Amino acid sequence: MMMLLCRALFVLTPVVVFFSGKAMTPVLILLVFALITAVKNSLFPLKRDWLSGYPAASILLALLLLWGVLSSYWSLLPGHSLSVGMRVGANCVIGGIGLFYVQRLLSIPARLLTYSAYGFILCAALILLEQLPAGGIMHYGYTLVGADFDRFLQKNVNRGLCALVVLIWPLVLGLYQSKQLCLVWSTVLILAIAVMSLDSLSAQIGLAAGMIAFVAIYYWPRVAPKMLILCLPLYLISFPALFTIAEDAVFKNPVVSERLADSGGIRLRIWHALLQEVEQRPWQGWGISTTRAQPLTQASLQAMGLEGPPLHPHNPSLQLLLELGRIGLLLATAALAVALLHWERSLRGDKVLLASSGALIAAYFVAGLASFGIWQFWWLSVLWIALIYWRWVAKQ
């Protein structure tokens, strides 16, 4: 029964995330519960393999999460920081348990991979139908019940697209291994057309990053993974310094500033204002998830065009530095670097596994670079679900 639930979740996840990205945390909890229940009497023994051997990265991640919980002691919002720190830790524990147990499941049947591809195609078709002059099925349904369709499109669908461009890569691996090459690339192409048809820059650059990473790692498996290992931690640790240098030299140049979208200009002003707050608590930070309580001046708020501080800085590096200080940023960078090093070494020799997992990593980090807070539970759950599905499909 629970095996059927695991398979049903695999097939239905694209549709669920499309309509409600914030449902990903309940989906993760349900998926891990089903995994544990399905394999408790399994005849397949647990094995120590390349996905259960991340001791150094796990220790560094645990230290980062512990630092986040401890930050509630000096936080601007002690109770809120403690709650967020504990819930983020619980999310990571649940995801880690899922990765541990999924290795005992039987391989996914090829027909389920086909059904999952149809789920992605259905989501893409619903988006493309909205380009009709009178709108599509979703517009008609929301208009019929008197709901705010524009808000649904901006919030739910845009979030869902960002999740889909991450979740597509376990499917790509499965279809590739089952020799359904026509279906895999037609699914990716249809999803790409749908993503490009909407004003969702995060999903667009996330999908582009995933496709570039897949092709680069597949054809240059020795060089491209090392570039990913170098670029992601380097970006994380160096962004504040790079932005400080580029702000005057690049972003204030009229040639650049006049061509920036409104959302891009707002993000630049947010980063400028929040970097000033970092200087007051450079090592310990202000406490996890306290961007919303930053003591910004009225002049800073007016410059950003906001009535109050943003919920998060729209940048993972800056959020770590602002909320957990240099110590938190260093721990996060070290954990990411060690995990990526182990990832490349453990999959070396299988370019399909390496390319699909590298595409998943690139899509997740690039899609979230300027969009989501790193402590947003639904976005963390998207990563864990994608990793669990990828590990399950990799058993093929």
Protein backbone atom coordinates (compact mmCIF):
# COMPACT_ATOMS: atom_id res chain seq x y z
CA MET A 1 0.00 0.00 0.00
CA MET A 2 2.73 2.46 0.97
CA MET A 3 4.73 1.52 -2.12
CA LEU A 4 1.70 2.53 -4.18
CA LEU A 5 1.61 5.84 -2.29
CA CYS A 6 5.30 6.48 -3.05
CA ARG A 7 4.68 5.82 -6.72
CA ALA A 8 1.55 7.97 -6.75
CA LEU A 9 3.45 10.86 -5.19
CA PHE A 10 6.19 10.53 -7.82
CA VAL A 11 3.62 10.80 -10.61
CA LEU A 12 1.45 13.52 -9.05
CA THR A 13 4.13 15.80 -7.59
CA PRO A 14 4.47 17.94 -10.78
CA VAL A 15 0.74 18.72 -10.74
CA VAL A 16 0.66 19.34 -6.97
CA VAL A 17 3.62 21.73 -7.02
CA PHE A 18 2.22 23.54 -10.06
CA PHE A 19 -0.99 24.47 -8.26
CA SER A 20 0.49 24.96 -4.79
CA GLY A 21 4.25 25.23 -4.29
CA LYS A 22 3.76 25.69 -0.57
CA ALA A 23 2.30 22.18 -0.37
CA MET A 24 5.79 20.75 -0.80
CA THR A 25 6.51 20.43 2.92
CA PRO A 26 3.42 18.23 3.54
CA VAL A 27 4.35 16.25 0.41
CA LEU A 28 7.89 15.72 1.78
CA ILE A 29 6.56 14.55 5.15
CA LEU A 30 4.05 12.21 3.50
CA LEU A 31 6.70 10.88 1.10
CA VAL A 32 9.20 10.10 3.88
CA PHE A 33 6.49 8.49 6.03
CA ALA A 34 5.51 6.31 3.07
CA LEU A 35 9.16 5.43 2.43
CA ILE A 36 9.77 4.36 6.03
CA THR A 37 6.57 2.33 6.14
CA ALA A 38 7.15 0.75 2.73
CA VAL A 39 10.66 -0.49 3.46
CA LYS A 40 10.43 -1.48 7.15
CA ASN A 41 9.86 -5.12 6.14
CA SER A 42 11.93 -4.93 2.97
CA LEU A 43 14.28 -7.79 2.15
CA PHE A 44 16.76 -5.35 0.62
CA PRO A 45 19.55 -4.49 3.09
CA LEU A 46 20.66 -0.92 3.65
CA LYS A 47 23.97 -0.25 1.94
CA ARG A 48 26.57 2.40 2.50
CA ASP A 49 26.93 3.94 -0.93
CA TRP A 50 27.76 7.24 -2.58
CA LEU A 51 24.62 8.95 -1.29
CA SER A 52 24.91 7.92 2.35
CA GLY A 53 28.57 8.85 2.80
CA TYR A 54 28.50 12.58 3.48
CA PRO A 55 29.84 12.67 7.06
CA ALA A 56 31.89 15.87 6.74
CA ALA A 57 29.15 17.78 4.91
CA SER A 58 26.53 16.48 7.37
CA ILE A 59 28.59 17.67 10.34
CA LEU A 60 29.07 21.11 8.80
CA LEU A 61 25.34 21.34 7.99
CA ALA A 62 24.50 20.32 11.56
CA LEU A 63 26.85 23.04 12.89
CA LEU A 64 25.19 25.61 10.63
CA LEU A 65 21.73 24.61 11.85
CA LEU A 66 22.92 24.64 15.46
CA TRP A 67 24.37 28.13 14.94
CA GLY A 68 21.01 29.21 13.55
CA VAL A 69 19.22 27.92 16.66
CA LEU A 70 21.80 29.55 18.95
CA SER A 71 21.31 32.85 17.13
CA SER A 72 17.90 33.10 18.79
CA TYR A 73 19.80 34.07 21.97
CA TRP A 74 20.83 37.46 20.47
CA SER A 75 18.12 37.64 17.80
CA LEU A 76 15.88 40.64 17.18
CA LEU A 77 13.00 38.11 17.25
CA PRO A 78 14.11 35.42 19.75
CA GLY A 79 10.97 33.28 19.68
CA HIS A 80 10.60 33.48 15.91
CA SER A 81 14.29 32.67 15.32
CA LEU A 82 14.14 29.66 17.64
CA SER A 83 11.02 28.38 15.89
CA VAL A 84 12.49 28.84 12.40
CA GLY A 85 15.82 27.29 13.39
CA MET A 86 14.11 24.22 14.85
CA ARG A 87 11.77 23.83 11.89
CA VAL A 88 14.59 24.16 9.34
CA GLY A 89 16.53 21.54 11.27
CA ALA A 90 13.49 19.24 11.30
CA ASN A 91 13.05 19.75 7.55
CA CYS A 92 16.66 18.71 6.92
CA VAL A 93 16.39 15.68 9.23
CA ILE A 94 13.23 14.52 7.45
CA GLY A 95 14.88 14.98 4.05
CA GLY A 96 17.99 13.12 5.19
CA ILE A 97 15.88 10.21 6.47
CA GLY A 98 14.14 10.08 3.10
CA LEU A 99 17.47 9.86 1.28
CA PHE A 100 18.57 7.09 3.64
CA TYR A 101 15.46 4.93 3.17
CA VAL A 102 14.82 5.45 -0.53
CA GLN A 103 17.78 3.23 -1.42
CA ARG A 104 15.73 0.22 -0.25
CA LEU A 105 12.84 0.77 -2.66
CA LEU A 106 12.47 -1.23 -5.84
CA SER A 107 13.32 0.61 -9.05
CA ILE A 108 10.64 2.80 -10.59
CA PRO A 109 8.79 1.05 -13.46
CA ALA A 110 9.24 2.71 -16.83
CA ARG A 111 5.50 3.35 -17.15
CA LEU A 112 5.56 5.57 -14.03
CA LEU A 113 8.29 7.65 -15.62
CA THR A 114 6.04 8.04 -18.66
CA TYR A 115 3.08 9.07 -16.48
CA SER A 116 5.25 11.60 -14.64
CA ALA A 117 6.33 13.09 -17.98
CA TYR A 118 2.66 13.45 -18.90
CA GLY A 119 2.20 15.39 -15.62
CA PHE A 120 4.89 17.88 -16.64
CA ILE A 121 3.38 18.16 -20.13
CA LEU A 122 -0.09 18.77 -18.62
CA CYS A 123 1.27 21.64 -16.51
CA ALA A 124 3.01 23.12 -19.53
CA ALA A 125 -0.15 22.79 -21.63
CA LEU A 126 -2.22 24.62 -18.99
CA ILE A 127 0.28 27.49 -19.10
CA LEU A 128 0.31 27.65 -22.89
CA LEU A 129 -3.49 27.70 -23.02
CA GLU A 130 -3.42 30.88 -20.93
CA GLN A 131 -1.74 32.62 -23.88
CA LEU A 132 -4.99 32.46 -25.83
CA PRO A 133 -6.75 35.84 -26.19
CA ALA A 134 -9.64 34.78 -23.96
CA GLY A 135 -7.42 32.89 -21.51
CA GLY A 136 -7.33 29.18 -20.80
CA ILE A 137 -8.89 26.62 -18.48
CA MET A 138 -7.34 28.05 -15.32
CA HIS A 139 -8.48 31.59 -16.10
CA TYR A 140 -12.00 30.35 -16.83
CA GLY A 141 -12.15 28.35 -13.59
CA TYR A 142 -10.91 31.18 -11.39
CA THR A 143 -13.22 33.68 -13.08
CA LEU A 144 -16.14 31.33 -12.59
CA VAL A 145 -15.64 31.17 -8.79
CA GLY A 146 -14.70 34.86 -8.49
CA ALA A 147 -11.12 34.20 -7.32
CA ASP A 148 -8.11 36.43 -8.02
CA PHE A 149 -6.51 34.74 -11.03
CA ASP A 150 -3.67 37.26 -11.42
CA ARG A 151 -2.53 36.59 -7.85
CA PHE A 152 -2.72 32.84 -8.46
CA LEU A 153 -0.61 33.27 -11.59
CA GLN A 154 2.00 35.46 -9.89
CA LYS A 155 2.30 33.47 -6.67
CA ASN A 156 1.32 29.84 -7.18
CA VAL A 157 2.21 29.31 -10.82
CA ASN A 158 5.52 31.21 -10.69
CA ARG A 159 6.57 29.29 -7.58
CA GLY A 160 5.42 26.06 -9.19
CA LEU A 161 7.47 26.71 -12.31
CA CYS A 162 10.62 27.30 -10.23
CA ALA A 163 10.01 23.94 -8.56
CA LEU A 164 9.29 22.16 -11.85
CA VAL A 165 12.59 23.25 -13.41
CA VAL A 166 14.31 21.47 -10.48
CA LEU A 167 12.08 18.39 -10.34
CA ILE A 168 12.40 17.75 -14.09
CA TRP A 169 15.95 16.38 -13.73
CA PRO A 170 15.18 13.14 -11.86
CA LEU A 171 12.66 12.47 -14.63
CA VAL A 172 15.29 13.24 -17.29
CA LEU A 173 17.60 10.67 -15.68
CA GLY A 174 14.87 8.01 -15.52
CA LEU A 175 13.67 8.51 -19.09
CA TYR A 176 17.24 8.58 -20.34
CA GLN A 177 18.05 5.30 -18.59
CA SER A 178 14.86 3.66 -19.86
CA LYS A 179 15.76 4.71 -23.42
CA GLN A 180 12.75 7.02 -23.84
CA LEU A 181 14.92 9.67 -25.46
CA CYS A 182 12.19 11.20 -27.60
CA LEU A 183 9.90 11.65 -24.60
CA VAL A 184 12.58 13.11 -22.34
CA TRP A 185 13.66 15.90 -24.65
CA SER A 186 10.13 16.65 -25.88
CA THR A 187 9.08 17.04 -22.22
CA VAL A 188 11.99 19.39 -21.51
CA LEU A 189 11.26 21.36 -24.71
CA ILE A 190 7.54 21.75 -23.95
CA LEU A 191 8.32 22.83 -20.39
CA ALA A 192 10.88 25.34 -21.71
CA ILE A 193 8.33 26.86 -24.13
CA ALA A 194 5.81 27.17 -21.29
CA VAL A 195 8.34 28.75 -18.92
CA MET A 196 9.42 31.25 -21.56
CA SER A 197 5.81 32.23 -22.23
CA LEU A 198 5.38 33.63 -18.71
CA ASP A 199 7.13 36.48 -16.96
CA SER A 200 9.00 34.20 -14.55
CA LEU A 201 12.66 35.13 -14.78
CA SER A 202 13.71 32.87 -11.90
CA ALA A 203 12.22 29.79 -13.56
CA GLN A 204 13.69 30.79 -16.92
CA ILE A 205 17.25 31.19 -15.69
CA GLY A 206 16.87 28.11 -13.48
CA LEU A 207 15.87 25.93 -16.43
CA ALA A 208 18.59 27.47 -18.61
CA ALA A 209 21.20 26.79 -15.91
CA GLY A 210 20.05 23.19 -15.59
CA MET A 211 20.17 22.57 -19.34
CA ILE A 212 23.60 24.18 -19.68
CA ALA A 213 24.93 22.17 -16.73
CA PHE A 214 23.55 18.90 -18.15
CA VAL A 215 25.07 19.41 -21.59
CA ALA A 216 28.40 20.68 -20.22
CA ILE A 217 28.82 17.83 -17.72
CA TYR A 218 27.66 15.18 -20.21
CA TYR A 219 30.18 16.21 -22.87
CA TRP A 220 32.97 17.42 -20.57
CA PRO A 221 32.60 15.22 -17.47
CA ARG A 222 36.10 15.95 -16.18
CA VAL A 223 36.08 19.74 -16.41
CA ALA A 224 32.46 20.91 -16.06
CA PRO A 225 31.75 19.37 -12.60
CA LYS A 226 34.89 21.04 -11.24
CA MET A 227 33.63 24.37 -12.54
CA LEU A 228 30.36 23.84 -10.65
CA ILE A 229 32.30 22.88 -7.51
CA LEU A 230 34.33 26.08 -7.81
CA CYS A 231 31.63 28.55 -8.85
CA LEU A 232 28.83 27.84 -6.34
CA PRO A 233 30.86 28.11 -3.09
CA LEU A 234 32.90 30.98 -4.54
CA TYR A 235 29.72 32.90 -5.36
CA LEU A 236 28.32 32.25 -1.89
CA ILE A 237 31.39 33.53 -0.06
CA SER A 238 32.27 36.41 -2.36
CA PHE A 239 28.91 37.94 -3.33
CA PRO A 240 28.91 40.72 -0.68
CA ALA A 241 32.37 41.91 -1.76
CA LEU A 242 31.56 41.56 -5.47
CA PHE A 243 28.33 43.53 -5.11
CA THR A 244 30.09 46.31 -3.18
CA ILE A 245 32.63 46.63 -5.98
CA ALA A 246 30.09 46.37 -8.81
CA GLU A 247 27.49 48.68 -7.30
CA ASP A 248 29.26 51.91 -8.22
CA ALA A 249 31.20 50.62 -11.20
CA VAL A 250 28.35 48.78 -12.94
CA PHE A 251 24.85 49.12 -11.48
CA LYS A 252 24.91 52.92 -11.08
CA ASN A 253 25.98 53.34 -14.68
CA PRO A 254 23.00 54.85 -16.57
CA VAL A 255 23.52 52.38 -19.41
CA VAL A 256 22.82 49.55 -16.96
CA SER A 257 20.42 51.15 -14.48
CA GLU A 258 18.02 52.43 -17.15
CA ARG A 259 17.67 48.92 -18.61
CA LEU A 260 17.02 47.15 -15.32
CA ALA A 261 13.53 45.87 -14.65
CA ASP A 262 11.70 47.41 -11.68
CA SER A 263 12.14 44.22 -9.65
CA GLY A 264 15.88 44.22 -10.40
CA GLY A 265 16.26 47.82 -9.25
CA ILE A 266 14.37 47.08 -6.02
CA ARG A 267 16.64 44.11 -5.28
CA LEU A 268 19.75 46.24 -5.78
CA ARG A 269 18.45 48.82 -3.33
CA ILE A 270 17.53 46.08 -0.83
CA TRP A 271 21.04 44.62 -1.04
CA HIS A 272 22.61 48.05 -0.57
CA ALA A 273 20.52 48.84 2.51
CA LEU A 274 20.96 45.44 4.17
CA LEU A 275 24.72 45.41 3.63
CA GLN A 276 24.86 48.50 5.84
CA GLU A 277 23.17 46.51 8.62
CA VAL A 278 25.77 43.73 8.32
CA GLU A 279 28.48 46.12 9.52
CA GLN A 280 26.83 46.40 12.95
CA ARG A 281 27.00 42.65 13.65
CA PRO A 282 29.53 41.24 11.20
CA TRP A 283 30.37 37.94 12.93
CA GLN A 284 27.26 36.76 14.76
CA GLY A 285 24.54 38.31 12.60
CA TRP A 286 21.12 39.51 13.71
CA GLY A 287 19.55 36.07 14.16
CA ILE A 288 18.01 33.56 11.77
CA SER A 289 14.99 34.87 9.81
CA THR A 290 15.25 38.43 11.15
CA THR A 291 15.51 40.35 7.88
CA ARG A 292 11.87 41.38 8.40
CA ALA A 293 12.81 43.09 11.69
CA GLN A 294 15.89 45.02 10.58
CA PRO A 295 16.04 48.55 12.07
CA LEU A 296 16.13 50.30 8.70
CA THR A 297 15.87 54.08 8.55
CA GLN A 298 12.96 55.76 6.84
CA ALA A 299 15.37 57.01 4.16
CA SER A 300 16.43 53.42 3.39
CA LEU A 301 12.82 52.27 3.17
CA GLN A 302 11.94 55.12 0.83
CA ALA A 303 14.95 54.31 -1.35
CA MET A 304 13.77 50.70 -1.61
CA GLY A 305 10.19 51.79 -2.27
CA LEU A 306 8.92 49.65 0.62
CA GLU A 307 6.83 50.41 3.67
CA GLY A 308 8.84 48.03 5.87
CA PRO A 309 11.85 45.69 5.72
CA PRO A 310 11.59 42.83 3.21
CA LEU A 311 10.90 39.31 4.47
CA HIS A 312 14.29 38.18 3.12
CA PRO A 313 17.13 39.76 1.08
CA HIS A 314 16.39 37.80 -2.13
CA ASN A 315 19.96 36.52 -2.05
CA PRO A 316 21.27 33.45 -0.16
CA SER A 317 24.75 34.85 0.47
CA LEU A 318 23.49 38.13 1.85
CA GLN A 319 20.83 36.40 3.96
CA LEU A 320 23.42 34.14 5.58
CA LEU A 321 25.75 37.06 6.22
CA LEU A 322 23.02 39.34 7.59
CA GLU A 323 21.26 36.79 9.80
CA LEU A 324 24.05 34.38 10.82
CA GLY A 325 27.10 36.58 10.30
CA ARG A 326 30.45 35.61 8.87
CA ILE A 327 30.47 32.44 10.95
CA GLY A 328 27.22 31.25 9.38
CA LEU A 329 28.37 32.18 5.88
CA LEU A 330 31.66 30.31 6.33
CA LEU A 331 29.90 27.21 7.66
CA ALA A 332 27.41 27.21 4.78
CA THR A 333 30.15 27.67 2.19
CA ALA A 334 32.25 24.89 3.70
CA ALA A 335 29.27 22.50 3.83
CA LEU A 336 28.39 23.23 0.21
CA ALA A 337 31.98 22.84 -1.00
CA VAL A 338 32.51 19.53 0.83
CA ALA A 339 29.16 18.12 -0.39
CA LEU A 340 29.95 19.08 -4.00
CA LEU A 341 33.43 17.53 -3.80
CA HIS A 342 31.96 14.24 -2.56
CA TRP A 343 29.23 14.42 -5.22
CA GLU A 344 31.76 14.67 -8.05
CA ARG A 345 34.06 11.96 -6.70
CA SER A 346 31.28 9.48 -5.99
CA LEU A 347 29.65 9.74 -9.43
CA ARG A 348 32.84 10.05 -11.46
CA GLY A 349 32.68 7.60 -14.35
CA ASP A 350 28.91 7.75 -14.96
CA LYS A 351 28.29 10.88 -16.98
CA VAL A 352 24.48 10.49 -17.10
CA LEU A 353 24.18 10.34 -13.31
CA LEU A 354 26.69 13.15 -12.97
CA ALA A 355 25.01 15.35 -15.61
CA SER A 356 21.45 14.92 -14.29
CA SER A 357 22.41 15.55 -10.66
CA GLY A 358 24.59 18.51 -11.68
CA ALA A 359 21.66 19.96 -13.63
CA LEU A 360 19.42 19.55 -10.56
CA ILE A 361 21.95 21.36 -8.35
CA ALA A 362 22.49 24.18 -10.86
CA ALA A 363 18.76 24.67 -11.47
CA TYR A 364 17.98 24.83 -7.74
CA PHE A 365 20.69 27.32 -6.85
CA VAL A 366 20.24 29.58 -9.88
CA ALA A 367 16.41 29.65 -9.66
CA GLY A 368 16.67 30.72 -6.02
CA LEU A 369 19.52 33.21 -6.37
CA ALA A 370 17.35 36.33 -6.30
CA SER A 371 13.89 34.98 -5.56
CA PHE A 372 13.43 33.00 -2.36
CA GLY A 373 14.63 33.04 1.20
CA ILE A 374 16.91 30.14 2.07
CA TRP A 375 14.78 29.27 5.13
CA GLN A 376 11.52 29.03 3.19
CA PHE A 377 10.30 25.56 4.06
CA TRP A 378 8.56 24.85 0.77
CA TRP A 379 11.71 25.68 -1.20
CA LEU A 380 13.89 23.52 1.07
CA SER A 381 11.35 20.72 0.64
CA VAL A 382 11.57 21.02 -3.15
CA LEU A 383 15.31 20.29 -2.91
CA TRP A 384 14.85 17.25 -0.64
CA ILE A 385 12.04 15.84 -2.79
CA ALA A 386 14.11 16.29 -5.95
CA LEU A 387 17.12 14.55 -4.33
CA ILE A 388 14.96 11.67 -3.04
CA TYR A 389 13.35 11.17 -6.45
CA TRP A 390 16.73 11.38 -8.18
CA ARG A 391 18.17 8.76 -5.82
CA TRP A 392 15.18 6.51 -6.44
CA VAL A 393 15.44 6.86 -10.22
CA ALA A 394 19.21 6.28 -10.07
CA LYS A 395 18.51 2.69 -9.01
CA GLN A 396 17.39 1.89 -12.59
